[in-house]
Amino acid sequence: MGTLEYNSSRPAIDIEDVTLAHLKIVIGTKLRRNESFMMTWLPKPEVPSGRLTIWVHPSIPLVLEFDQPMVATIDPKRVTHMMEQLNSRGELVLDQL
């Protein structure tokens, strides 16, 4: 289980390494193109709160920390699906990936 830390303003988001590897490609592609977007997720089950959304922007620090030292196998179809969902909605919803 890896983590995604954004702007150090909240606790890191726990994400499985395989999903995090795919997110790395999608987020990296959008930020390399200087394209900002929203990202939404459900917090940890033990935290009784609603959905969280952040505005992802190239100027805000982002840290992806993988639990496993091995690079996860990337499924190009999954990356394509994630990009299509993001581009059609303008938002990346982590629990719907």
Protein backbone atom coordinates (compact mmCIF):
# COMPACT_ATOMS: atom_id res chain seq x y z
CA MET A 1 0.00 0.00 0.00
CA GLY A 2 1.61 3.21 -1.18
CA THR A 3 0.66 6.80 -0.45
CA LEU A 4 -0.02 9.99 -2.35
CA GLU A 5 0.81 13.17 -0.45
CA TYR A 6 -0.39 16.45 -1.89
CA ASN A 7 0.77 19.82 -0.60
CA SER A 8 1.42 18.29 2.86
CA SER A 9 -1.80 19.90 4.12
CA ARG A 10 -3.65 16.68 4.96
CA PRO A 11 -2.67 13.14 5.78
CA ALA A 12 -1.44 11.17 2.80
CA ILE A 13 -3.93 9.13 0.77
CA ASP A 14 -3.42 5.36 1.01
CA ILE A 15 -3.50 3.78 -2.45
CA GLU A 16 -2.52 0.28 -3.57
CA ASP A 17 0.84 0.27 -5.36
CA VAL A 18 -0.61 -0.97 -8.67
CA THR A 19 -3.24 1.78 -8.73
CA LEU A 20 -0.64 4.33 -7.64
CA ALA A 21 1.63 3.31 -10.53
CA HIS A 22 -1.20 3.97 -12.98
CA LEU A 23 -2.05 7.26 -11.27
CA LYS A 24 1.58 8.29 -11.59
CA ILE A 25 1.32 8.04 -15.37
CA VAL A 26 -2.05 9.81 -15.59
CA ILE A 27 -1.14 12.62 -13.19
CA GLY A 28 2.31 13.00 -14.70
CA THR A 29 0.84 13.28 -18.19
CA LYS A 30 -1.66 15.96 -17.17
CA LEU A 31 0.89 17.99 -15.20
CA ARG A 32 3.51 17.71 -17.94
CA ARG A 33 0.92 19.27 -20.28
CA ASN A 34 0.38 21.98 -17.65
CA GLU A 35 -3.26 20.84 -17.24
CA SER A 36 -4.84 21.18 -13.81
CA PHE A 37 -7.73 18.97 -12.70
CA MET A 38 -9.75 17.85 -9.68
CA MET A 39 -9.19 14.56 -7.91
CA THR A 40 -11.78 13.04 -5.54
CA TRP A 41 -11.65 10.07 -3.18
CA LEU A 42 -13.31 8.59 -0.14
CA PRO A 43 -11.24 8.93 3.03
CA LYS A 44 -10.29 5.96 5.16
CA PRO A 45 -13.30 3.91 6.33
CA GLU A 46 -12.53 4.63 9.99
CA VAL A 47 -12.82 8.39 9.37
CA PRO A 48 -16.52 9.36 9.35
CA SER A 49 -16.52 12.05 6.68
CA GLY A 50 -17.68 12.57 3.12
CA ARG A 51 -15.71 12.68 -0.09
CA LEU A 52 -12.58 14.79 -0.40
CA THR A 53 -11.61 16.73 -3.52
CA ILE A 54 -8.37 18.53 -4.32
CA TRP A 55 -7.35 20.75 -7.21
CA VAL A 56 -4.21 19.24 -8.75
CA HIS A 57 -1.92 21.91 -10.17
CA PRO A 58 1.66 21.72 -11.51
CA SER A 59 2.95 24.24 -8.94
CA ILE A 60 1.78 22.28 -5.88
CA PRO A 61 4.13 19.61 -4.43
CA LEU A 62 3.10 16.00 -4.98
CA VAL A 63 4.81 12.93 -3.49
CA LEU A 64 4.04 9.37 -4.57
CA GLU A 65 5.51 6.79 -2.19
CA PHE A 66 5.41 3.14 -3.17
CA ASP A 67 5.49 0.40 -0.55
CA GLN A 68 7.11 -2.15 -2.85
CA PRO A 69 10.54 -1.57 -4.42
CA MET A 70 9.52 -3.38 -7.61
CA VAL A 71 7.81 -1.36 -10.34
CA ALA A 72 4.22 -2.50 -10.84
CA THR A 73 3.14 -3.88 -14.20
CA ILE A 74 1.26 -1.22 -16.14
CA ASP A 75 -1.93 -2.07 -18.01
CA PRO A 76 -2.15 0.37 -20.96
CA LYS A 77 -5.93 -0.17 -21.18
CA ARG A 78 -6.32 0.92 -17.57
CA VAL A 79 -4.28 4.07 -18.19
CA THR A 80 -6.35 4.85 -21.28
CA HIS A 81 -9.58 4.32 -19.33
CA MET A 82 -8.38 6.58 -16.52
CA MET A 83 -7.38 9.32 -18.97
CA GLU A 84 -10.72 9.06 -20.79
CA GLN A 85 -12.63 9.33 -17.51
CA LEU A 86 -10.54 12.30 -16.41
CA ASN A 87 -10.80 14.11 -19.74
CA SER A 88 -14.55 13.59 -20.06
CA ARG A 89 -15.37 14.69 -16.48
CA GLY A 90 -12.51 17.04 -15.68
CA GLU A 91 -12.12 15.04 -12.47
CA LEU A 92 -10.29 11.90 -11.48
CA VAL A 93 -12.41 9.86 -9.03
CA LEU A 94 -10.12 7.36 -7.30
CA ASP A 95 -12.76 5.00 -5.93
CA GLN A 96 -14.26 4.58 -9.40
CA LEU A 97 -11.06 3.48 -11.13
